[in-house]
Amino acid sequence: MGVILPPSSLAANTAMNAGELGEQGRRFFAEHGWVVVRGAVAAGRAVELLEALQREVSPAALAASAGRVVELPQASRLSPALDSHVHDPRMARLLAEALGASRLQLLQDTALIKAPLVGGRVEWHQDRTYMGYLDQPRAATLRLALTDETLESGCLRVLDGSHLWGYETPLPALQAATVEDALSALPDALRARAVGAEIELELQPGDATIHHCLTFHSSSENRSARTRATLVLRAFDASCRCRPDRVPAGAARHFPVDARGGLSESAFPLIYDAAR
C-alpha cells in the first residue's frame, strides 16, 4: 500500500507496511485531515466485494434512484463477504492509526452507489454534523473504492486541512433527511480559506480514503457510463463519551451507554484494540 500526497506537493507515493499508515501517513493525516491508501485491498478482493454488493442491488433499483445516491446502511448484514470487510483487521488498523486511537469502535457501515449518468451529488459537509452526540470529534471515515472513482464518476472531494479550522457545523444528528451545503454558512474568513483548498481524490478499485470527521468533503454527480460503488466504514475513538443532550428525542434506545458513559460495545462493537 502507499500514501498519496496532495497534488500541490507532487511527491512520490510512499511505501508502507501492509495494513499500516506508517509515521509519514499518520503525520500527513494529522496535517491534512485526509489520506489516500493505494491498494488497501487487492484488486481481486475489490471484485469479490463488488459482486457481493451487486447481488443485493437490482438494476431496477439503480434506475429508480432518480439521481440520488443509493445508500445501504448496515451493508454488512447483506452478505458474508460484506460482513468480512467490516471485520477486516487491516481496515480497523488504518482507521486507528489515522486517529491515534488505542481502541476503536464501529459507528456505521454503509454501501454507497451512484448510478451511471444520473447520480448523485453530495453537498459539502462535515461528518461531525451527524455524530455530534460524541463528546469529542475523534472519529474518521474509511471509504473503499470497488470501482474507478474519477472526476467524471463523482469522486470524493476534500477541503485540505479543513479539520483544523476550529469550526463545527450545526448538529442535526439523525434529524436531517438530506445533506445540505455547509460552505454557504461558513464565516467569511473560512469561506476565503476554502477557495483553492479543494482536492479531488481519484481512486482505482481497492484504493481507500480516510478523512477526519471535521474535514469538509463532497462529491459530484456520476456522469460516467459506469456505476460507482463504495463501501464506507465510520469509526470512533472508544475513549469518547456519549452526550445524551445531543441524542434526538426518542432515539436514546439506539445509543446505549456503558458504566463510564461511553457508547456500549453491544451496539457499537469494538473493532480495534492495541492491547490485543
C-alpha atoms as a PDB file:
ATOM      1  CA  MET A   1       0.000   0.000   0.000  1.00  0.00           C
ATOM      2  CA  GLY A   2       1.073   3.610  -0.391  1.00  0.00           C
ATOM      3  CA  VAL A   3       0.011   7.055   0.738  1.00  0.00           C
ATOM      4  CA  ILE A   4      -0.570   9.727  -1.878  1.00  0.00           C
ATOM      5  CA  LEU A   5       0.334  13.336  -1.126  1.00  0.00           C
ATOM      6  CA  PRO A   6      -1.729  16.268  -2.409  1.00  0.00           C
ATOM      7  CA  PRO A   7      -1.198  17.432  -5.996  1.00  0.00           C
ATOM      8  CA  SER A   8       0.365  20.660  -4.744  1.00  0.00           C
ATOM      9  CA  SER A   9       3.382  18.774  -3.425  1.00  0.00           C
ATOM     10  CA  LEU A  10       3.623  16.242  -6.300  1.00  0.00           C
ATOM     11  CA  ALA A  11       5.608  13.932  -4.046  1.00  0.00           C
ATOM     12  CA  ALA A  12       6.027  10.276  -4.962  1.00  0.00           C
ATOM     13  CA  ASN A  13       3.920   7.696  -3.174  1.00  0.00           C
ATOM     14  CA  THR A  14       5.496   6.421  -0.008  1.00  0.00           C
ATOM     15  CA  ALA A  15       5.561   2.666   0.611  1.00  0.00           C
ATOM     16  CA  MET A  16       4.059   1.454   3.872  1.00  0.00           C
ATOM     17  CA  ASN A  17       3.974  -1.806   5.734  1.00  0.00           C
ATOM     18  CA  ALA A  18       0.924  -3.879   4.913  1.00  0.00           C
ATOM     19  CA  GLY A  19      -2.054  -2.717   6.959  1.00  0.00           C
ATOM     20  CA  GLU A  20      -0.294   0.344   8.352  1.00  0.00           C
ATOM     21  CA  LEU A  21      -0.162   4.033   7.533  1.00  0.00           C
ATOM     22  CA  GLY A  22       3.296   4.382   8.965  1.00  0.00           C
ATOM     23  CA  GLU A  23       4.682   7.508  10.597  1.00  0.00           C
ATOM     24  CA  GLN A  24       4.536   9.586   7.415  1.00  0.00           C
ATOM     25  CA  GLY A  25       0.931   8.599   6.778  1.00  0.00           C
ATOM     26  CA  ARG A  26      -0.049   9.470  10.354  1.00  0.00           C
ATOM     27  CA  ARG A  27       1.655  12.856  10.138  1.00  0.00           C
ATOM     28  CA  PHE A  28       0.034  13.522   6.789  1.00  0.00           C
ATOM     29  CA  PHE A  29      -3.447  12.740   8.121  1.00  0.00           C
ATOM     30  CA  ALA A  30      -2.896  14.925  11.188  1.00  0.00           C
ATOM     31  CA  GLU A  31      -1.884  17.859   8.997  1.00  0.00           C
ATOM     32  CA  HIS A  32      -4.314  17.487   6.097  1.00  0.00           C
ATOM     33  CA  GLY A  33      -7.339  15.684   7.554  1.00  0.00           C
ATOM     34  CA  TRP A  34      -7.372  13.026   4.839  1.00  0.00           C
ATOM     35  CA  VAL A  35      -5.159  10.378   3.307  1.00  0.00           C
ATOM     36  CA  VAL A  36      -5.349   8.042   0.314  1.00  0.00           C
ATOM     37  CA  VAL A  37      -4.190   4.449   0.705  1.00  0.00           C
ATOM     38  CA  ARG A  38      -3.372   2.815  -2.605  1.00  0.00           C
ATOM     39  CA  GLY A  39      -4.083  -0.905  -2.736  1.00  0.00           C
ATOM     40  CA  ALA A  40      -5.751  -1.061   0.663  1.00  0.00           C
ATOM     41  CA  VAL A  41      -7.184  -4.372  -0.554  1.00  0.00           C
ATOM     42  CA  ALA A  42      -6.109  -6.459  -3.547  1.00  0.00           C
ATOM     43  CA  ALA A  43      -7.916  -5.901  -6.848  1.00  0.00           C
ATOM     44  CA  GLY A  44      -9.376  -9.419  -6.669  1.00  0.00           C
ATOM     45  CA  ARG A  45     -10.811  -8.693  -3.239  1.00  0.00           C
ATOM     46  CA  ALA A  46     -12.417  -5.488  -4.556  1.00  0.00           C
ATOM     47  CA  VAL A  47     -14.055  -7.521  -7.337  1.00  0.00           C
ATOM     48  CA  GLU A  48     -15.362 -10.059  -4.805  1.00  0.00           C
ATOM     49  CA  LEU A  49     -16.901  -7.294  -2.696  1.00  0.00           C
ATOM     50  CA  LEU A  50     -18.398  -5.569  -5.738  1.00  0.00           C
ATOM     51  CA  GLU A  51     -20.025  -8.785  -6.915  1.00  0.00           C
ATOM     52  CA  ALA A  52     -21.454  -9.375  -3.436  1.00  0.00           C
ATOM     53  CA  LEU A  53     -22.921  -5.876  -3.459  1.00  0.00           C
ATOM     54  CA  GLN A  54     -24.313  -6.215  -6.972  1.00  0.00           C
ATOM     55  CA  ARG A  55     -26.230  -9.323  -5.934  1.00  0.00           C
ATOM     56  CA  GLU A  56     -28.110  -7.170  -3.418  1.00  0.00           C
ATOM     57  CA  VAL A  57     -28.925  -4.186  -5.631  1.00  0.00           C
ATOM     58  CA  SER A  58     -31.020  -4.755  -8.726  1.00  0.00           C
ATOM     59  CA  PRO A  59     -30.618  -2.703 -11.922  1.00  0.00           C
ATOM     60  CA  ALA A  60     -34.219  -1.608 -11.408  1.00  0.00           C
ATOM     61  CA  ALA A  61     -33.344  -0.129  -8.019  1.00  0.00           C
ATOM     62  CA  LEU A  62     -30.497   1.829  -9.570  1.00  0.00           C
ATOM     63  CA  ALA A  63     -32.706   3.034 -12.395  1.00  0.00           C
ATOM     64  CA  ALA A  64     -35.263   4.232  -9.851  1.00  0.00           C
ATOM     65  CA  SER A  65     -32.701   6.208  -7.852  1.00  0.00           C
ATOM     66  CA  ALA A  66     -33.557   9.340  -9.866  1.00  0.00           C
ATOM     67  CA  GLY A  67     -30.189  10.978  -9.434  1.00  0.00           C
ATOM     68  CA  ARG A  68     -29.828  10.193  -5.733  1.00  0.00           C
ATOM     69  CA  VAL A  69     -27.050   8.227  -4.098  1.00  0.00           C
ATOM     70  CA  VAL A  70     -28.283   4.734  -3.284  1.00  0.00           C
ATOM     71  CA  GLU A  71     -27.329   4.227   0.364  1.00  0.00           C
ATOM     72  CA  LEU A  72     -27.441   0.815   2.045  1.00  0.00           C
ATOM     73  CA  PRO A  73     -26.941   1.173   5.824  1.00  0.00           C
ATOM     74  CA  GLN A  74     -25.542  -1.854   7.638  1.00  0.00           C
ATOM     75  CA  ALA A  75     -24.385  -3.359   4.364  1.00  0.00           C
ATOM     76  CA  SER A  76     -22.514  -5.979   6.380  1.00  0.00           C
ATOM     77  CA  ARG A  77     -25.849  -7.700   7.039  1.00  0.00           C
ATOM     78  CA  LEU A  78     -26.398  -8.308   3.336  1.00  0.00           C
ATOM     79  CA  SER A  79     -23.758 -10.994   2.806  1.00  0.00           C
ATOM     80  CA  PRO A  80     -20.854 -12.804   4.495  1.00  0.00           C
ATOM     81  CA  ALA A  81     -18.392 -11.148   2.099  1.00  0.00           C
ATOM     82  CA  LEU A  82     -19.529  -7.642   3.034  1.00  0.00           C
ATOM     83  CA  ASP A  83     -19.538  -8.596   6.714  1.00  0.00           C
ATOM     84  CA  SER A  84     -15.952  -9.820   6.452  1.00  0.00           C
ATOM     85  CA  HIS A  85     -14.899  -6.399   5.150  1.00  0.00           C
ATOM     86  CA  VAL A  86     -16.352  -4.675   8.199  1.00  0.00           C
ATOM     87  CA  HIS A  87     -14.359  -7.002  10.441  1.00  0.00           C
ATOM     88  CA  ASP A  88     -11.154  -6.847   8.386  1.00  0.00           C
ATOM     89  CA  PRO A  89      -8.448  -6.009  10.965  1.00  0.00           C
ATOM     90  CA  ARG A  90      -6.434  -4.187   8.300  1.00  0.00           C
ATOM     91  CA  MET A  91      -9.197  -1.615   7.810  1.00  0.00           C
ATOM     92  CA  ALA A  92      -9.609  -1.128  11.560  1.00  0.00           C
ATOM     93  CA  ARG A  93      -5.868  -0.660  11.996  1.00  0.00           C
ATOM     94  CA  LEU A  94      -5.740   2.004   9.292  1.00  0.00           C
ATOM     95  CA  LEU A  95      -8.532   3.955  10.981  1.00  0.00           C
ATOM     96  CA  ALA A  96      -6.992   3.559  14.431  1.00  0.00           C
ATOM     97  CA  GLU A  97      -3.609   4.750  13.209  1.00  0.00           C
ATOM     98  CA  ALA A  98      -5.128   7.771  11.499  1.00  0.00           C
ATOM     99  CA  LEU A  99      -6.927   8.797  14.703  1.00  0.00           C
ATOM    100  CA  GLY A 100      -4.112   7.777  17.035  1.00  0.00           C
ATOM    101  CA  ALA A 101      -6.619   5.639  18.935  1.00  0.00           C
ATOM    102  CA  SER A 102      -5.651   2.633  21.022  1.00  0.00           C
ATOM    103  CA  ARG A 103      -9.235   1.309  20.935  1.00  0.00           C
ATOM    104  CA  LEU A 104     -11.751   1.853  18.170  1.00  0.00           C
ATOM    105  CA  GLN A 105     -15.497   1.223  17.924  1.00  0.00           C
ATOM    106  CA  LEU A 106     -17.569   0.854  14.774  1.00  0.00           C
ATOM    107  CA  LEU A 107     -20.134   3.601  14.321  1.00  0.00           C
ATOM    108  CA  GLN A 108     -21.642   2.619  10.982  1.00  0.00           C
ATOM    109  CA  ASP A 109     -21.007   0.619   7.826  1.00  0.00           C
ATOM    110  CA  THR A 110     -22.684   1.625   4.599  1.00  0.00           C
ATOM    111  CA  ALA A 111     -22.573   0.939   0.878  1.00  0.00           C
ATOM    112  CA  LEU A 112     -22.914   3.936  -1.433  1.00  0.00           C
ATOM    113  CA  ILE A 113     -23.829   3.512  -5.087  1.00  0.00           C
ATOM    114  CA  LYS A 114     -24.061   6.167  -7.777  1.00  0.00           C
ATOM    115  CA  ALA A 115     -25.961   5.059 -10.843  1.00  0.00           C
ATOM    116  CA  PRO A 116     -24.410   5.816 -14.238  1.00  0.00           C
ATOM    117  CA  LEU A 117     -25.143   9.135 -15.942  1.00  0.00           C
ATOM    118  CA  VAL A 118     -27.569  10.434 -13.305  1.00  0.00           C
ATOM    119  CA  GLY A 119     -26.483  10.068  -9.683  1.00  0.00           C
ATOM    120  CA  GLY A 120     -25.912  11.604  -7.320  1.00  0.00           C
ATOM    121  CA  ARG A 121     -24.416  14.807  -5.918  1.00  0.00           C
ATOM    122  CA  VAL A 122     -23.432  15.082  -2.232  1.00  0.00           C
ATOM    123  CA  GLU A 123     -23.040  18.630  -0.931  1.00  0.00           C
ATOM    124  CA  TRP A 124     -20.158  19.945   1.164  1.00  0.00           C
ATOM    125  CA  HIS A 125     -20.454  18.848   4.788  1.00  0.00           C
ATOM    126  CA  GLN A 126     -18.620  17.542   7.846  1.00  0.00           C
ATOM    127  CA  ASP A 127     -19.422  14.063   9.151  1.00  0.00           C
ATOM    128  CA  ARG A 128     -19.254  15.538  12.645  1.00  0.00           C
ATOM    129  CA  THR A 129     -22.599  17.162  11.856  1.00  0.00           C
ATOM    130  CA  TYR A 130     -24.222  13.729  12.128  1.00  0.00           C
ATOM    131  CA  MET A 131     -22.307  12.411  15.133  1.00  0.00           C
ATOM    132  CA  GLY A 132     -22.493  15.339  17.498  1.00  0.00           C
ATOM    133  CA  TYR A 133     -23.611  13.001  20.281  1.00  0.00           C
ATOM    134  CA  LEU A 134     -19.929  12.092  20.716  1.00  0.00           C
ATOM    135  CA  ASP A 135     -18.283  14.427  23.209  1.00  0.00           C
ATOM    136  CA  GLN A 136     -15.112  14.709  21.113  1.00  0.00           C
ATOM    137  CA  PRO A 137     -14.550  14.927  17.337  1.00  0.00           C
ATOM    138  CA  ARG A 138     -12.479  11.746  17.445  1.00  0.00           C
ATOM    139  CA  ALA A 139     -13.941   9.871  14.506  1.00  0.00           C
ATOM    140  CA  ALA A 140     -12.967   9.087  10.929  1.00  0.00           C
ATOM    141  CA  THR A 141     -14.410   7.524   7.792  1.00  0.00           C
ATOM    142  CA  LEU A 142     -12.717   4.926   5.604  1.00  0.00           C
ATOM    143  CA  ARG A 143     -14.069   4.653   2.051  1.00  0.00           C
ATOM    144  CA  LEU A 144     -13.064   1.636  -0.060  1.00  0.00           C
ATOM    145  CA  ALA A 145     -13.483   2.038  -3.817  1.00  0.00           C
ATOM    146  CA  LEU A 146     -14.974  -1.019  -5.514  1.00  0.00           C
ATOM    147  CA  THR A 147     -14.992   0.701  -8.921  1.00  0.00           C
ATOM    148  CA  ASP A 148     -12.986   3.500 -10.501  1.00  0.00           C
ATOM    149  CA  GLU A 149     -13.680   6.821  -8.794  1.00  0.00           C
ATOM    150  CA  THR A 150     -12.845   9.584 -11.234  1.00  0.00           C
ATOM    151  CA  LEU A 151     -13.769  13.221 -11.774  1.00  0.00           C
ATOM    152  CA  GLU A 152     -16.384  12.025 -14.250  1.00  0.00           C
ATOM    153  CA  SER A 153     -17.903   9.440 -11.888  1.00  0.00           C
ATOM    154  CA  GLY A 154     -18.105  11.847  -8.934  1.00  0.00           C
ATOM    155  CA  CYS A 155     -15.052  11.057  -6.816  1.00  0.00           C
ATOM    156  CA  LEU A 156     -14.591  12.372  -3.285  1.00  0.00           C
ATOM    157  CA  ARG A 157     -13.514  15.993  -2.910  1.00  0.00           C
ATOM    158  CA  VAL A 158     -11.993  17.389   0.282  1.00  0.00           C
ATOM    159  CA  LEU A 159     -11.009  20.809   1.570  1.00  0.00           C
ATOM    160  CA  ASP A 160      -7.409  20.274   2.546  1.00  0.00           C
ATOM    161  CA  GLY A 161      -6.688  20.999   6.217  1.00  0.00           C
ATOM    162  CA  SER A 162     -10.283  21.997   6.995  1.00  0.00           C
ATOM    163  CA  HIS A 163     -10.355  19.701  10.051  1.00  0.00           C
ATOM    164  CA  LEU A 164      -8.104  22.301  11.719  1.00  0.00           C
ATOM    165  CA  TRP A 165     -10.371  25.275  11.077  1.00  0.00           C
ATOM    166  CA  GLY A 166     -11.886  25.143  14.549  1.00  0.00           C
ATOM    167  CA  TYR A 167     -15.404  25.150  13.162  1.00  0.00           C
ATOM    168  CA  GLU A 168     -18.284  22.700  13.528  1.00  0.00           C
ATOM    169  CA  THR A 169     -21.481  22.930  11.549  1.00  0.00           C
ATOM    170  CA  PRO A 170     -24.814  22.589  13.430  1.00  0.00           C
ATOM    171  CA  LEU A 171     -25.574  19.150  14.846  1.00  0.00           C
ATOM    172  CA  PRO A 172     -28.844  17.766  13.436  1.00  0.00           C
ATOM    173  CA  ALA A 173     -27.860  14.173  14.253  1.00  0.00           C
ATOM    174  CA  LEU A 174     -30.439  11.714  12.913  1.00  0.00           C
ATOM    175  CA  GLN A 175     -32.809  14.564  12.069  1.00  0.00           C
ATOM    176  CA  ALA A 176     -31.742  15.800   8.633  1.00  0.00           C
ATOM    177  CA  ALA A 177     -33.207  13.899   5.683  1.00  0.00           C
ATOM    178  CA  THR A 178     -30.689  15.319   3.204  1.00  0.00           C
ATOM    179  CA  VAL A 179     -27.129  16.633   3.210  1.00  0.00           C
ATOM    180  CA  GLU A 180     -27.243  20.413   2.910  1.00  0.00           C
ATOM    181  CA  ASP A 181     -24.404  22.568   1.585  1.00  0.00           C
ATOM    182  CA  ALA A 182     -22.449  23.723   4.652  1.00  0.00           C
ATOM    183  CA  LEU A 183     -19.999  26.087   2.927  1.00  0.00           C
ATOM    184  CA  SER A 184     -22.527  28.874   2.462  1.00  0.00           C
ATOM    185  CA  ALA A 185     -22.927  29.126   6.243  1.00  0.00           C
ATOM    186  CA  LEU A 186     -19.199  29.483   6.942  1.00  0.00           C
ATOM    187  CA  PRO A 187     -17.812  32.755   8.281  1.00  0.00           C
ATOM    188  CA  ASP A 188     -16.255  34.956   5.600  1.00  0.00           C
ATOM    189  CA  ALA A 189     -12.712  34.153   6.725  1.00  0.00           C
ATOM    190  CA  LEU A 190     -13.264  30.410   6.357  1.00  0.00           C
ATOM    191  CA  ARG A 191     -15.039  30.762   3.019  1.00  0.00           C
ATOM    192  CA  ALA A 192     -11.938  32.576   1.834  1.00  0.00           C
ATOM    193  CA  ARG A 193      -9.752  29.712   3.071  1.00  0.00           C
ATOM    194  CA  ALA A 194     -11.936  27.238   1.201  1.00  0.00           C
ATOM    195  CA  VAL A 195     -11.023  28.891  -2.109  1.00  0.00           C
ATOM    196  CA  GLY A 196      -8.188  26.876  -3.583  1.00  0.00           C
ATOM    197  CA  ALA A 197      -8.272  24.241  -0.820  1.00  0.00           C
ATOM    198  CA  GLU A 198     -10.301  21.691  -2.814  1.00  0.00           C
ATOM    199  CA  ILE A 199      -8.574  18.427  -3.740  1.00  0.00           C
ATOM    200  CA  GLU A 200     -10.208  15.701  -5.822  1.00  0.00           C
ATOM    201  CA  LEU A 201      -9.278  12.150  -4.812  1.00  0.00           C
ATOM    202  CA  GLU A 202      -9.431   9.795  -7.765  1.00  0.00           C
ATOM    203  CA  LEU A 203      -9.243   6.083  -6.894  1.00  0.00           C
ATOM    204  CA  GLN A 204      -8.922   2.693  -8.527  1.00  0.00           C
ATOM    205  CA  PRO A 205     -10.697  -0.434  -7.231  1.00  0.00           C
ATOM    206  CA  GLY A 206      -9.071  -1.481  -3.954  1.00  0.00           C
ATOM    207  CA  ASP A 207      -7.854   2.031  -3.071  1.00  0.00           C
ATOM    208  CA  ALA A 208      -9.196   3.692   0.065  1.00  0.00           C
ATOM    209  CA  THR A 209      -9.514   7.165   1.515  1.00  0.00           C
ATOM    210  CA  ILE A 210      -9.671   8.108   5.175  1.00  0.00           C
ATOM    211  CA  HIS A 211     -10.982  11.504   6.259  1.00  0.00           C
ATOM    212  CA  HIS A 212     -11.450  13.133   9.650  1.00  0.00           C
ATOM    213  CA  CYS A 213     -14.982  13.850  10.865  1.00  0.00           C
ATOM    214  CA  LEU A 214     -14.264  17.602  10.743  1.00  0.00           C
ATOM    215  CA  THR A 215     -12.899  17.562   7.184  1.00  0.00           C
ATOM    216  CA  PHE A 216     -15.253  19.243   4.727  1.00  0.00           C
ATOM    217  CA  HIS A 217     -15.965  16.915   1.807  1.00  0.00           C
ATOM    218  CA  SER A 218     -18.398  16.405  -1.051  1.00  0.00           C
ATOM    219  CA  SER A 219     -18.779  14.634  -4.375  1.00  0.00           C
ATOM    220  CA  SER A 220     -20.336  15.449  -7.731  1.00  0.00           C
ATOM    221  CA  GLU A 221     -22.812  13.522  -9.838  1.00  0.00           C
ATOM    222  CA  ASN A 222     -21.743  10.359 -11.632  1.00  0.00           C
ATOM    223  CA  ARG A 223     -21.685  11.498 -15.245  1.00  0.00           C
ATOM    224  CA  SER A 224     -19.856   8.399 -16.468  1.00  0.00           C
ATOM    225  CA  ALA A 225     -21.432   5.377 -18.144  1.00  0.00           C
ATOM    226  CA  ARG A 226     -20.469   3.097 -15.236  1.00  0.00           C
ATOM    227  CA  THR A 227     -21.847   2.592 -11.747  1.00  0.00           C
ATOM    228  CA  ARG A 228     -19.716   3.974  -8.907  1.00  0.00           C
ATOM    229  CA  ALA A 229     -19.695   1.753  -5.793  1.00  0.00           C
ATOM    230  CA  THR A 230     -18.038   2.429  -2.443  1.00  0.00           C
ATOM    231  CA  LEU A 231     -18.005   0.702   0.937  1.00  0.00           C
ATOM    232  CA  VAL A 232     -17.889   3.041   3.922  1.00  0.00           C
ATOM    233  CA  LEU A 233     -16.742   2.369   7.487  1.00  0.00           C
ATOM    234  CA  ARG A 234     -17.177   5.064  10.145  1.00  0.00           C
ATOM    235  CA  ALA A 235     -15.469   4.533  13.488  1.00  0.00           C
ATOM    236  CA  PHE A 236     -14.689   6.493  16.631  1.00  0.00           C
ATOM    237  CA  ASP A 237     -12.135   6.502  19.415  1.00  0.00           C
ATOM    238  CA  ALA A 238     -13.523   4.298  22.206  1.00  0.00           C
ATOM    239  CA  SER A 239     -12.458   6.933  24.742  1.00  0.00           C
ATOM    240  CA  CYS A 240     -15.309   9.179  23.524  1.00  0.00           C
ATOM    241  CA  ARG A 241     -18.379   9.504  25.716  1.00  0.00           C
ATOM    242  CA  CYS A 242     -21.967   9.991  24.673  1.00  0.00           C
ATOM    243  CA  ARG A 243     -23.720  13.366  25.099  1.00  0.00           C
ATOM    244  CA  PRO A 244     -27.337  12.406  25.956  1.00  0.00           C
ATOM    245  CA  ASP A 245     -28.433  16.024  25.435  1.00  0.00           C
ATOM    246  CA  ARG A 246     -27.407  15.724  21.786  1.00  0.00           C
ATOM    247  CA  VAL A 247     -29.232  12.463  21.105  1.00  0.00           C
ATOM    248  CA  PRO A 248     -32.545  13.256  19.337  1.00  0.00           C
ATOM    249  CA  ALA A 249     -35.716  12.704  21.323  1.00  0.00           C
ATOM    250  CA  GLY A 250     -36.949   9.140  21.064  1.00  0.00           C
ATOM    251  CA  ALA A 251     -33.619   7.770  19.783  1.00  0.00           C
ATOM    252  CA  ALA A 252     -31.955   7.028  23.119  1.00  0.00           C
ATOM    253  CA  ARG A 253     -32.617   3.286  22.794  1.00  0.00           C
ATOM    254  CA  HIS A 254     -30.304   3.224  19.786  1.00  0.00           C
ATOM    255  CA  PHE A 255     -27.454   4.733  21.821  1.00  0.00           C
ATOM    256  CA  PRO A 256     -26.993   2.560  24.923  1.00  0.00           C
ATOM    257  CA  VAL A 257     -24.150   3.653  27.179  1.00  0.00           C
ATOM    258  CA  ASP A 258     -21.804   1.725  29.429  1.00  0.00           C
ATOM    259  CA  ALA A 259     -20.825   2.433  33.035  1.00  0.00           C
ATOM    260  CA  ARG A 260     -18.359   5.176  32.086  1.00  0.00           C
ATOM    261  CA  GLY A 261     -20.796   6.948  29.766  1.00  0.00           C
ATOM    262  CA  GLY A 262     -19.340   5.683  26.503  1.00  0.00           C
ATOM    263  CA  LEU A 263     -21.404   4.081  23.762  1.00  0.00           C
ATOM    264  CA  SER A 264     -21.897   0.430  24.606  1.00  0.00           C
ATOM    265  CA  GLU A 265     -19.928  -2.173  22.674  1.00  0.00           C
ATOM    266  CA  SER A 266     -23.136  -4.205  22.448  1.00  0.00           C
ATOM    267  CA  ALA A 267     -24.424  -1.715  19.882  1.00  0.00           C
ATOM    268  CA  PHE A 268     -21.135  -0.223  18.671  1.00  0.00           C
ATOM    269  CA  PRO A 269     -18.686  -3.136  18.566  1.00  0.00           C
ATOM    270  CA  LEU A 270     -15.007  -2.837  19.313  1.00  0.00           C
ATOM    271  CA  ILE A 271     -13.075  -3.364  16.073  1.00  0.00           C
ATOM    272  CA  TYR A 272      -9.555  -2.477  17.226  1.00  0.00           C
ATOM    273  CA  ASP A 273      -7.697  -2.863  20.489  1.00  0.00           C
ATOM    274  CA  ALA A 274      -3.950  -2.222  20.534  1.00  0.00           C
ATOM    275  CA  ALA A 275      -3.624  -4.303  23.696  1.00  0.00           C
ATOM    276  CA  ARG A 276      -4.773  -7.478  21.931  1.00  0.00           C
END
